[in-house]
Amino acid sequence: MLRHGIIVGCTALLAGFILLAGCANTIRPTEDPKDPRSVYLVDLGRHTRLAVELPNGDFVEYAYGEWRWYAKMQDQWWRAPAVILWPTDGTLGRWEWPAPGAATRLLGAYEGLIVLELSAEASRVDALVAELHRDFSEYPGELLRNTTYRLDFVPHDRAYWLFNNSNHAVKRWLQELGFEVRGSGIFAEWKYEKP
């Protein structure tokens, strides 16, 4: 009886993943920014990053992931179930692209990948950057530079797992920037619907 319940549960979970796999995250603006700032969503396949323009023309890029897998590159295949199926230590990554030419260099670094170019109200961008900078600065002694991923990482209070991964983080950040985002957020599949 117990074995039957486990099989039914696993089958239902697998069916749910298959259904969610076909669901793209749809981004729609909820406002026409009067003081627009550039925002780039970078779809890396499994992970998503967000880069935003600062008032001086610099760009700052943020990413969220699992501390050991993403920041420390402990990405052995046998660790994948533990990383996905139950909460583990999260990490916040950041990279700065200084002006002039920040946008060009950023886009060049992701040539061949899906990059969505968006615009958000400058005040919302500044508020999000202040929040993420605060989160990033809470762990100044634990900064880890990862040149492979081109990000500086610090531990993050929010645990990482299937239902709180990099795509969920980017979804939350986009919502803070004034976008409506529909979709599960589990997978890195994004589309932009212009008004």
Protein backbone atom coordinates (compact mmCIF):
# COMPACT_ATOMS: atom_id res chain seq x y z
CA MET A 1 0.00 0.00 0.00
CA LEU A 2 2.80 2.42 0.92
CA ARG A 3 4.70 1.55 -2.26
CA HIS A 4 1.59 2.24 -4.35
CA GLY A 5 1.19 5.65 -2.68
CA ILE A 6 4.81 6.55 -3.41
CA ILE A 7 4.45 5.54 -7.07
CA VAL A 8 1.22 7.55 -7.43
CA GLY A 9 2.81 10.56 -5.73
CA CYS A 10 5.93 10.45 -7.90
CA THR A 11 3.81 10.03 -11.04
CA ALA A 12 1.68 13.05 -10.10
CA LEU A 13 4.80 15.11 -9.38
CA LEU A 14 6.33 14.14 -12.73
CA ALA A 15 3.08 14.98 -14.56
CA GLY A 16 3.04 18.38 -12.84
CA PHE A 17 6.60 19.11 -13.98
CA ILE A 18 5.75 18.13 -17.55
CA LEU A 19 2.74 20.46 -17.53
CA LEU A 20 4.77 23.32 -16.05
CA ALA A 21 7.60 22.80 -18.55
CA GLY A 22 5.41 24.08 -21.36
CA CYS A 23 4.45 27.25 -19.51
CA ALA A 24 6.45 30.32 -20.44
CA ASN A 25 6.76 33.24 -18.06
CA THR A 26 5.02 36.15 -19.76
CA ILE A 27 6.17 39.69 -19.01
CA ARG A 28 3.87 42.68 -19.57
CA PRO A 29 4.49 46.29 -18.61
CA THR A 30 1.90 47.77 -16.25
CA GLU A 31 2.93 51.37 -16.84
CA ASP A 32 4.52 53.57 -19.47
CA PRO A 33 7.73 54.79 -17.78
CA LYS A 34 8.03 58.56 -17.90
CA ASP A 35 11.71 58.42 -16.93
CA PRO A 36 12.73 55.08 -18.52
CA ARG A 37 15.83 53.11 -17.66
CA SER A 38 17.07 50.06 -19.59
CA VAL A 39 16.61 46.60 -18.10
CA TYR A 40 17.95 43.38 -19.65
CA LEU A 41 16.65 39.93 -18.81
CA VAL A 42 19.28 37.32 -19.73
CA ASP A 43 18.00 33.77 -20.24
CA LEU A 44 20.93 31.37 -19.80
CA GLY A 45 18.86 28.24 -20.38
CA ARG A 46 18.30 27.02 -16.83
CA HIS A 47 19.14 30.24 -15.01
CA THR A 48 18.08 33.84 -15.52
CA ARG A 49 19.88 37.08 -14.70
CA LEU A 50 18.72 40.68 -14.63
CA ALA A 51 20.85 43.70 -15.55
CA VAL A 52 19.68 47.25 -14.86
CA GLU A 53 20.95 50.66 -15.90
CA LEU A 54 22.17 53.04 -13.20
CA PRO A 55 21.82 56.86 -13.39
CA ASN A 56 25.45 57.30 -14.53
CA GLY A 57 25.13 54.83 -17.44
CA ASP A 58 26.75 51.90 -15.63
CA PHE A 59 24.89 48.59 -15.56
CA VAL A 60 24.70 46.22 -12.63
CA GLU A 61 23.76 42.59 -13.17
CA TYR A 62 22.15 40.40 -10.50
CA ALA A 63 21.64 36.66 -10.25
CA TYR A 64 20.32 34.30 -7.61
CA GLY A 65 21.25 30.64 -7.17
CA GLU A 66 22.38 27.87 -4.85
CA TRP A 67 25.50 28.75 -2.85
CA ARG A 68 27.55 25.58 -3.33
CA TRP A 69 26.35 24.77 -6.87
CA TYR A 70 26.51 28.26 -8.35
CA ALA A 71 29.03 30.21 -6.29
CA LYS A 72 31.44 27.38 -5.38
CA MET A 73 30.84 25.35 -8.60
CA GLN A 74 30.14 22.15 -6.69
CA ASP A 75 27.92 21.05 -9.56
CA GLN A 76 28.39 17.29 -9.56
CA TRP A 77 25.40 15.47 -11.08
CA TRP A 78 24.67 13.59 -7.85
CA ARG A 79 24.09 16.87 -6.00
CA ALA A 80 21.26 17.93 -8.34
CA PRO A 81 18.40 16.18 -6.47
CA ALA A 82 19.43 17.75 -3.16
CA VAL A 83 19.73 21.21 -4.74
CA ILE A 84 16.31 20.97 -6.38
CA LEU A 85 14.11 18.94 -4.06
CA TRP A 86 14.69 20.57 -0.67
CA PRO A 87 15.78 24.03 0.53
CA THR A 88 19.54 24.65 0.56
CA ASP A 89 21.72 27.75 1.00
CA GLY A 90 21.01 30.53 -1.47
CA THR A 91 23.40 33.05 -2.97
CA LEU A 92 23.13 36.48 -4.56
CA GLY A 93 25.49 37.28 -7.42
CA ARG A 94 26.41 40.71 -8.77
CA TRP A 95 28.57 42.06 -11.59
CA GLU A 96 29.19 45.69 -12.55
CA TRP A 97 29.50 46.92 -16.13
CA PRO A 98 31.01 50.45 -16.02
CA ALA A 99 30.16 53.14 -18.56
CA PRO A 100 30.91 54.15 -21.24
CA GLY A 101 29.78 51.31 -23.47
CA ALA A 102 28.35 49.22 -20.63
CA ALA A 103 25.26 48.08 -22.54
CA THR A 104 27.29 47.13 -25.62
CA ARG A 105 29.75 45.03 -23.61
CA LEU A 106 26.97 43.39 -21.61
CA LEU A 107 25.01 42.44 -24.74
CA GLY A 108 28.21 41.25 -26.43
CA ALA A 109 28.95 38.94 -23.52
CA TYR A 110 25.60 37.20 -24.07
CA GLU A 111 25.63 37.10 -27.85
CA GLY A 112 23.67 34.08 -29.06
CA LEU A 113 21.58 33.86 -25.88
CA ILE A 114 18.09 35.17 -25.30
CA VAL A 115 18.22 38.72 -23.99
CA LEU A 116 14.97 40.64 -23.54
CA GLU A 117 15.36 44.41 -23.62
CA LEU A 118 12.85 46.15 -21.36
CA SER A 119 12.31 49.63 -19.91
CA ALA A 120 11.31 50.45 -16.34
CA GLU A 121 10.65 53.62 -14.40
CA ALA A 122 13.94 54.99 -13.04
CA SER A 123 12.58 55.33 -9.48
CA ARG A 124 11.62 51.63 -9.46
CA VAL A 125 15.05 50.64 -10.79
CA ASP A 126 16.75 52.71 -8.08
CA ALA A 127 14.57 51.12 -5.37
CA LEU A 128 15.36 47.59 -6.57
CA VAL A 129 19.09 48.32 -6.82
CA ALA A 130 19.05 49.78 -3.28
CA GLU A 131 17.31 46.64 -1.97
CA LEU A 132 19.69 44.24 -3.74
CA HIS A 133 22.74 46.31 -2.78
CA ARG A 134 21.61 46.11 0.85
CA ASP A 135 21.20 42.31 0.56
CA PHE A 136 24.60 42.03 -1.10
CA SER A 137 26.38 44.25 1.43
CA GLU A 138 25.16 42.28 4.47
CA TYR A 139 27.94 39.72 3.88
CA PRO A 140 31.02 41.77 2.97
CA GLY A 141 33.43 39.28 4.54
CA GLU A 142 32.10 36.31 2.59
CA LEU A 143 32.34 37.61 -0.98
CA LEU A 144 33.38 34.94 -3.46
CA ARG A 145 34.47 35.91 -6.99
CA ASN A 146 33.60 33.33 -9.62
CA THR A 147 35.29 34.20 -12.93
CA THR A 148 33.61 31.31 -14.78
CA TYR A 149 30.16 32.78 -14.15
CA ARG A 150 31.51 36.34 -14.09
CA LEU A 151 29.79 37.14 -10.80
CA ASP A 152 30.73 38.09 -7.26
CA PHE A 153 28.69 35.97 -4.84
CA VAL A 154 27.59 36.36 -1.22
CA PRO A 155 25.34 34.07 0.87
CA HIS A 156 21.65 34.96 0.81
CA ASP A 157 19.06 34.47 3.57
CA ARG A 158 16.44 33.04 1.21
CA ALA A 159 16.84 29.29 0.69
CA TYR A 160 17.22 27.90 -2.83
CA TRP A 161 15.20 24.99 -4.23
CA LEU A 162 12.77 24.08 -6.99
CA PHE A 163 10.14 26.56 -5.80
CA ASN A 164 12.59 29.40 -5.19
CA ASN A 165 15.22 29.37 -7.90
CA SER A 166 16.89 32.02 -10.08
CA ASN A 167 13.82 32.38 -12.26
CA HIS A 168 11.57 33.01 -9.26
CA ALA A 169 14.00 35.69 -8.07
CA VAL A 170 14.00 37.42 -11.46
CA LYS A 171 10.20 37.19 -11.56
CA ARG A 172 10.01 38.99 -8.17
CA TRP A 173 12.50 41.61 -9.31
CA LEU A 174 10.53 42.28 -12.49
CA GLN A 175 7.36 42.68 -10.45
CA GLU A 176 9.16 45.22 -8.25
CA LEU A 177 10.09 47.05 -11.44
CA GLY A 178 6.41 47.38 -12.32
CA PHE A 179 5.93 44.45 -14.70
CA GLU A 180 3.14 41.92 -14.57
CA VAL A 181 4.69 38.46 -14.79
CA ARG A 182 2.49 35.43 -15.41
CA GLY A 183 3.79 31.87 -15.24
CA SER A 184 5.16 29.48 -12.65
CA GLY A 185 8.67 30.93 -12.58
CA ILE A 186 10.12 27.44 -12.26
CA PHE A 187 11.70 27.38 -15.71
CA ALA A 188 13.78 29.91 -17.66
CA GLU A 189 11.38 30.41 -20.52
CA TRP A 190 10.41 34.03 -21.00
CA LYS A 191 8.41 36.07 -23.47
CA TYR A 192 7.61 39.75 -23.56
CA GLU A 193 4.17 40.98 -24.54
CA LYS A 194 4.18 44.59 -25.63
CA PRO A 195 1.09 46.61 -24.67
